N, C-alpha and C. Protein backbone atom coordinates (compact mmCIF):
# COMPACT_ATOMS: atom_id res chain seq x y z
N MET A 1 0.82 -1.17 -0.24
CA MET A 1 -0.04 -0.16 0.00
C MET A 1 0.89 1.20 -0.08
N PRO A 2 0.59 2.13 -0.84
CA PRO A 2 1.51 3.36 -0.74
C PRO A 2 1.33 4.18 0.33
N ARG A 3 2.39 4.89 0.61
CA ARG A 3 2.32 5.84 1.82
C ARG A 3 2.54 7.28 1.34
N ARG A 4 2.25 8.18 2.15
CA ARG A 4 2.10 9.73 1.84
C ARG A 4 3.95 10.07 2.20
N ASP A 5 4.17 11.05 1.12
CA ASP A 5 5.44 11.44 1.29
C ASP A 5 5.28 13.15 1.55
N PRO A 6 5.52 13.51 2.79
CA PRO A 6 4.98 14.45 3.17
C PRO A 6 5.95 15.69 2.64
N ARG A 7 7.33 15.30 1.87
CA ARG A 7 7.81 16.47 1.37
C ARG A 7 6.99 16.74 -0.09
N ALA A 8 6.82 15.59 -0.56
CA ALA A 8 5.98 15.66 -1.97
C ALA A 8 4.60 16.03 -1.83
N GLY A 9 3.92 15.49 -0.77
CA GLY A 9 2.52 15.75 -1.10
C GLY A 9 1.90 14.71 -1.76
N ARG A 10 2.39 13.91 -2.06
CA ARG A 10 1.52 12.68 -2.87
C ARG A 10 1.94 11.30 -2.35
N SER A 11 1.38 10.38 -2.98
CA SER A 11 1.35 8.97 -2.63
C SER A 11 2.93 8.46 -3.15
N VAL A 12 3.52 7.71 -2.80
CA VAL A 12 4.73 7.10 -3.06
C VAL A 12 4.96 5.55 -3.12
N PRO A 13 5.71 4.64 -3.81
CA PRO A 13 5.49 3.00 -3.63
C PRO A 13 6.10 2.97 -2.06
N SER A 14 5.58 1.78 -1.61
CA SER A 14 6.33 1.59 -0.37
C SER A 14 7.55 1.36 -0.53
N TRP A 15 8.24 0.83 -1.46
CA TRP A 15 9.76 0.36 -1.43
C TRP A 15 10.38 1.83 -1.74
N HIS A 16 9.93 2.95 -2.24
CA HIS A 16 10.45 4.20 -2.45
C HIS A 16 11.17 4.81 -1.08
N ARG A 17 12.30 5.29 -1.06
CA ARG A 17 13.15 5.79 -0.25
C ARG A 17 13.61 7.39 -0.51
N PRO A 18 13.20 8.21 0.10
CA PRO A 18 13.77 9.45 -0.61
C PRO A 18 15.14 9.52 -0.50
N CYS A 19 15.59 10.24 -1.21
CA CYS A 19 17.08 10.40 -1.28
C CYS A 19 17.58 11.58 -0.25
N SER A 20 18.63 11.14 0.46
CA SER A 20 18.98 12.54 1.53
C SER A 20 19.79 13.31 0.70
N PRO A 21 19.69 14.72 0.81
CA PRO A 21 20.63 15.54 0.19
C PRO A 21 21.95 15.54 0.99
N ARG A 22 22.94 15.80 0.11
CA ARG A 22 24.14 15.53 0.57
C ARG A 22 24.83 16.73 1.31
N PRO A 23 25.30 16.56 2.70
CA PRO A 23 25.39 17.52 3.34
C PRO A 23 26.48 18.46 3.06
N HIS A 24 26.56 19.61 3.28
CA HIS A 24 27.53 20.73 2.68
C HIS A 24 28.99 20.03 3.21
N GLU A 25 29.37 19.33 4.07
CA GLU A 25 30.74 18.56 4.29
C GLU A 25 31.23 17.85 3.03
N GLU A 26 30.17 17.13 2.86
CA GLU A 26 30.31 16.01 1.98
C GLU A 26 30.43 16.43 0.21
N ARG A 27 29.84 17.78 0.34
CA ARG A 27 30.18 18.57 -1.15
C ARG A 27 31.37 19.16 -1.06
N ALA A 28 32.02 19.59 0.01
CA ALA A 28 33.36 20.17 0.12
C ALA A 28 34.29 19.18 0.05
N ARG A 29 34.06 18.16 0.72
CA ARG A 29 35.03 16.75 0.45
C ARG A 29 35.23 16.44 -0.72
N THR A 30 34.08 15.98 -1.75
CA THR A 30 33.95 15.54 -3.03
C THR A 30 34.49 16.65 -4.10
N ARG A 31 34.51 17.81 -4.04
CA ARG A 31 34.38 19.03 -5.06
C ARG A 31 36.04 18.63 -5.53
N GLY A 32 35.85 19.03 -6.71
CA GLY A 32 37.19 19.38 -7.45
C GLY A 32 37.17 18.04 -8.93
N PHE A 33 38.51 17.69 -8.76
CA PHE A 33 38.68 16.68 -9.88
C PHE A 33 37.77 15.17 -9.80
N ALA A 34 37.26 15.02 -10.84
CA ALA A 34 36.36 13.69 -10.69
C ALA A 34 37.33 12.43 -10.19
N PRO A 35 37.08 11.43 -9.73
CA PRO A 35 37.79 10.42 -8.94
C PRO A 35 38.74 9.78 -9.90
N THR A 36 38.11 9.94 -11.36
CA THR A 36 38.87 9.11 -12.07
C THR A 36 40.15 9.94 -12.81
N ALA A 37 39.83 11.35 -12.68
CA ALA A 37 40.54 12.25 -13.56
C ALA A 37 41.86 12.51 -12.46
N GLU A 38 43.00 13.07 -13.33
CA GLU A 38 44.17 13.42 -12.71
C GLU A 38 44.46 14.83 -13.01
N PRO A 39 45.26 15.59 -12.07
CA PRO A 39 45.38 17.08 -12.32
C PRO A 39 46.18 16.98 -13.56
N PRO A 40 46.30 17.98 -14.14
CA PRO A 40 46.71 18.23 -15.81
C PRO A 40 48.17 18.03 -15.53
N ALA A 41 49.12 17.46 -16.03
CA ALA A 41 50.50 17.23 -15.79
C ALA A 41 51.21 18.08 -16.98
N PRO A 42 51.98 19.33 -16.35
CA PRO A 42 52.53 19.93 -17.19
C PRO A 42 53.83 19.42 -18.01
N GLU A 43 54.01 19.89 -19.31
CA GLU A 43 55.03 19.16 -20.44
C GLU A 43 56.38 19.47 -19.77
N ARG A 44 57.31 18.62 -19.90
CA ARG A 44 58.76 19.13 -19.74
C ARG A 44 59.41 19.30 -20.45
N SER A 45 60.60 19.94 -20.38
CA SER A 45 61.69 20.56 -21.30
C SER A 45 62.56 19.28 -21.61
N SER A 46 63.13 19.22 -22.63
CA SER A 46 64.25 18.18 -23.01
C SER A 46 64.90 17.71 -22.06
N ASP A 47 65.41 18.92 -20.90
CA ASP A 47 66.33 18.55 -19.81
C ASP A 47 65.63 18.03 -18.52
N GLY A 48 64.17 17.78 -18.95
CA GLY A 48 63.23 16.94 -17.72
C GLY A 48 62.84 18.14 -17.11
N ARG A 49 63.25 19.36 -16.95
CA ARG A 49 62.67 20.46 -16.28
C ARG A 49 61.29 20.84 -16.64
N ILE A 50 60.39 21.30 -15.77
CA ILE A 50 59.03 22.09 -16.00
C ILE A 50 59.18 23.56 -16.24
N GLY A 51 59.12 24.20 -17.36
CA GLY A 51 59.12 25.56 -17.35
C GLY A 51 57.80 26.26 -16.71
N ASP A 52 58.01 27.64 -16.20
CA ASP A 52 56.89 28.53 -15.54
C ASP A 52 55.96 28.42 -16.65
N GLU A 53 55.93 28.70 -17.93
CA GLU A 53 54.84 28.84 -18.70
C GLU A 53 54.08 27.56 -18.98
N ALA A 54 54.78 26.59 -18.82
CA ALA A 54 54.16 25.33 -19.03
C ALA A 54 53.24 24.79 -17.63
N LEU A 55 53.97 25.24 -16.51
CA LEU A 55 52.89 25.18 -15.30
C LEU A 55 51.90 26.18 -15.32
N ALA A 56 52.08 27.37 -15.81
CA ALA A 56 50.87 28.12 -15.89
C ALA A 56 49.73 27.56 -16.67
N ASP A 57 50.01 26.78 -17.83
CA ASP A 57 49.11 26.25 -18.87
C ASP A 57 48.39 25.45 -18.19
N ALA A 58 49.15 24.32 -17.18
CA ALA A 58 48.69 23.44 -16.20
C ALA A 58 47.65 23.66 -15.34
N VAL A 59 48.32 24.92 -14.75
CA VAL A 59 47.31 25.38 -13.53
C VAL A 59 46.06 25.78 -14.42
N ARG A 60 45.88 26.81 -15.51
CA ARG A 60 44.79 27.14 -15.99
C ARG A 60 44.07 26.07 -16.63
N ASP A 61 44.36 24.90 -16.97
CA ASP A 61 44.01 23.65 -17.25
C ASP A 61 42.81 23.02 -16.27
N ALA A 62 43.72 23.03 -14.95
CA ALA A 62 43.24 22.37 -13.77
C ALA A 62 42.19 23.29 -13.24
N LEU A 63 42.14 24.77 -13.21
CA LEU A 63 41.07 25.39 -12.89
C LEU A 63 40.23 25.73 -13.68
N ALA A 64 40.11 25.11 -14.97
CA ALA A 64 38.92 25.32 -16.15
C ALA A 64 38.29 23.82 -15.80
N LEU A 65 39.16 22.55 -15.46
CA LEU A 65 38.42 21.49 -15.46
C LEU A 65 37.81 21.13 -14.12
N ASP A 66 38.23 21.74 -13.00
CA ASP A 66 37.57 21.68 -11.47
C ASP A 66 36.20 22.29 -11.43
N ALA A 67 35.37 21.73 -10.95
CA ALA A 67 34.00 22.10 -10.88
C ALA A 67 33.82 23.44 -9.94
N SER A 68 34.64 23.34 -9.03
CA SER A 68 34.40 24.49 -8.08
C SER A 68 35.16 25.97 -8.49
N THR A 69 35.84 25.97 -9.42
CA THR A 69 36.48 26.83 -10.05
C THR A 69 36.47 27.27 -11.60
N ALA A 70 35.69 26.29 -12.27
CA ALA A 70 35.28 26.59 -13.72
C ALA A 70 34.91 27.70 -14.18
N GLU A 71 34.05 28.51 -13.29
CA GLU A 71 33.45 29.63 -13.58
C GLU A 71 34.21 30.78 -13.12
N LEU A 72 35.25 30.71 -12.58
CA LEU A 72 36.26 31.87 -12.38
C LEU A 72 37.07 32.10 -13.51
N SER A 73 37.11 33.65 -13.53
CA SER A 73 37.84 34.25 -14.47
C SER A 73 39.21 34.69 -13.81
N LEU A 74 40.56 33.98 -13.70
CA LEU A 74 41.50 34.11 -12.95
C LEU A 74 42.58 34.38 -14.01
N ASN A 75 43.50 35.60 -13.51
CA ASN A 75 44.83 35.55 -14.15
C ASN A 75 45.86 34.64 -13.64
N VAL A 76 46.55 33.55 -14.32
CA VAL A 76 47.46 32.78 -13.94
C VAL A 76 48.83 33.03 -14.13
N GLU A 77 49.90 33.33 -13.38
CA GLU A 77 51.17 33.62 -14.09
C GLU A 77 51.96 33.06 -12.84
N VAL A 78 53.19 32.26 -13.40
CA VAL A 78 53.95 31.22 -12.47
C VAL A 78 55.31 31.97 -12.40
N ARG A 79 55.99 32.30 -11.58
CA ARG A 79 57.59 32.37 -11.59
C ARG A 79 58.32 31.56 -10.65
N ASP A 80 59.30 31.09 -11.00
CA ASP A 80 60.02 30.31 -10.11
C ASP A 80 59.17 29.08 -9.30
N ALA A 81 58.04 28.51 -10.30
CA ALA A 81 57.44 27.52 -9.92
C ALA A 81 56.32 28.11 -8.81
N VAL A 82 56.00 29.28 -8.59
CA VAL A 82 54.94 29.66 -7.49
C VAL A 82 53.90 30.23 -8.70
N ALA A 83 52.67 29.81 -8.35
CA ALA A 83 51.62 30.15 -9.35
C ALA A 83 50.89 31.32 -8.66
N HIS A 84 50.77 32.62 -9.36
CA HIS A 84 50.15 33.83 -8.74
C HIS A 84 48.75 33.67 -9.39
N LEU A 85 47.76 33.87 -8.60
CA LEU A 85 46.42 33.84 -8.88
C LEU A 85 45.85 35.21 -8.77
N ARG A 86 45.35 36.11 -10.00
CA ARG A 86 44.70 37.12 -9.63
C ARG A 86 43.30 37.52 -10.24
N GLY A 87 42.93 38.18 -9.79
CA GLY A 87 41.25 38.22 -10.36
C GLY A 87 40.17 38.56 -9.25
N THR A 88 39.09 38.87 -9.61
CA THR A 88 37.78 39.12 -8.58
C THR A 88 37.17 37.94 -8.44
N VAL A 89 36.84 37.39 -6.98
CA VAL A 89 36.26 36.06 -6.90
C VAL A 89 34.83 36.74 -5.84
N ALA A 90 33.87 36.07 -5.92
CA ALA A 90 32.61 36.26 -5.13
C ALA A 90 32.82 36.11 -3.81
N GLY A 91 33.55 35.18 -3.52
CA GLY A 91 33.53 34.90 -1.89
C GLY A 91 35.03 34.39 -1.86
N PRO A 92 35.55 34.10 -0.23
CA PRO A 92 36.75 33.61 0.01
C PRO A 92 36.74 32.15 -0.28
N GLU A 93 35.87 31.76 -0.33
CA GLU A 93 35.93 30.36 -0.61
C GLU A 93 36.47 29.88 -2.05
N ASP A 94 35.99 31.14 -2.93
CA ASP A 94 36.42 30.61 -4.05
C ASP A 94 37.93 30.82 -4.64
N GLY A 95 38.50 31.95 -3.82
CA GLY A 95 39.70 31.97 -3.66
C GLY A 95 40.64 30.60 -3.02
N GLU A 96 40.14 30.38 -2.15
CA GLU A 96 40.63 29.05 -1.48
C GLU A 96 40.60 28.10 -2.45
N ASN A 97 39.55 27.77 -3.08
CA ASN A 97 39.54 26.65 -4.14
C ASN A 97 40.18 26.53 -5.05
N ALA A 98 40.50 27.91 -5.62
CA ALA A 98 41.51 27.99 -6.71
C ALA A 98 42.73 27.72 -6.35
N GLU A 99 43.28 28.36 -4.81
CA GLU A 99 44.38 27.93 -4.49
C GLU A 99 44.65 26.62 -4.31
N ALA A 100 43.72 25.68 -3.86
CA ALA A 100 43.81 24.24 -3.57
C ALA A 100 44.11 23.49 -4.81
N VAL A 101 43.25 24.01 -6.14
CA VAL A 101 43.16 23.39 -7.52
C VAL A 101 44.71 23.67 -8.01
N ALA A 102 45.39 24.90 -7.89
CA ALA A 102 46.44 25.20 -8.35
C ALA A 102 47.51 24.38 -7.57
N ALA A 103 47.45 24.37 -6.27
CA ALA A 103 48.84 23.42 -5.48
C ALA A 103 48.48 22.12 -5.86
N ALA A 104 47.46 21.35 -6.38
CA ALA A 104 47.47 20.24 -6.76
C ALA A 104 48.13 19.75 -7.85
N VAL A 105 48.69 20.87 -8.58
CA VAL A 105 49.23 20.73 -10.13
C VAL A 105 50.68 20.44 -9.82
N PRO A 106 51.07 19.26 -10.33
CA PRO A 106 52.51 18.59 -10.10
C PRO A 106 53.45 19.69 -10.77
N GLY A 107 54.69 20.08 -9.82
CA GLY A 107 55.34 20.91 -10.32
C GLY A 107 55.35 22.29 -9.61
N VAL A 108 54.23 22.76 -8.79
CA VAL A 108 53.78 23.98 -8.33
C VAL A 108 54.32 23.85 -6.98
N VAL A 109 55.34 24.53 -6.45
CA VAL A 109 55.69 24.70 -5.09
C VAL A 109 54.89 25.50 -4.30
N ASP A 110 54.58 26.52 -4.78
CA ASP A 110 54.01 27.29 -3.67
C ASP A 110 52.72 28.08 -4.56
N VAL A 111 51.54 28.67 -4.14
CA VAL A 111 50.46 29.35 -4.46
C VAL A 111 50.33 30.53 -3.93
N ALA A 112 50.62 31.86 -4.64
CA ALA A 112 50.19 33.02 -3.90
C ALA A 112 48.73 33.58 -4.33
N ASP A 113 47.72 33.66 -3.43
CA ASP A 113 46.34 33.72 -3.61
C ASP A 113 46.35 35.38 -3.85
N GLU A 114 46.37 36.05 -4.80
CA GLU A 114 46.11 37.61 -5.00
C GLU A 114 44.91 37.95 -5.32
N THR A 115 43.78 36.97 -5.14
CA THR A 115 42.36 37.45 -5.91
C THR A 115 41.84 38.55 -4.54
N GLU A 116 40.50 39.31 -5.20
CA GLU A 116 40.12 40.35 -4.60
C GLU A 116 38.59 39.88 -4.57
N LEU A 117 38.11 40.20 -3.45
CA LEU A 117 36.53 39.94 -3.29
C LEU A 117 35.89 41.13 -4.05
N GLU A 118 34.43 40.87 -4.62
CA GLU A 118 33.81 41.66 -5.49
C GLU A 118 33.05 42.42 -4.33
N VAL A 119 32.73 43.69 -4.48
CA VAL A 119 32.15 44.70 -3.72
C VAL A 119 30.70 44.74 -4.16
């Protein structure tokens, strides 16, 4: 016999179990790269070193691929393997997400979050 779903205000089959929403912590833990995706690896030069421009390209790719940073419009510059992120973000969590994504790129030794909050 069907039972009433108080959220939907309609009858649902007895075997139906409502989906529970993912808590905020779960979303925060699972944001970022898909489980099967790897952060983009920068290309190496003939001597095996990773150049700053290759690292900047890899950071840009990582930011574009990550769900939490894909919509951000940031300027990325890399000097001596330190990624500098500049631009305007809606909230501090956007800057933190961008910093975490950039830091995950192989070859980046540090990230300077120079983003500014929208006013």
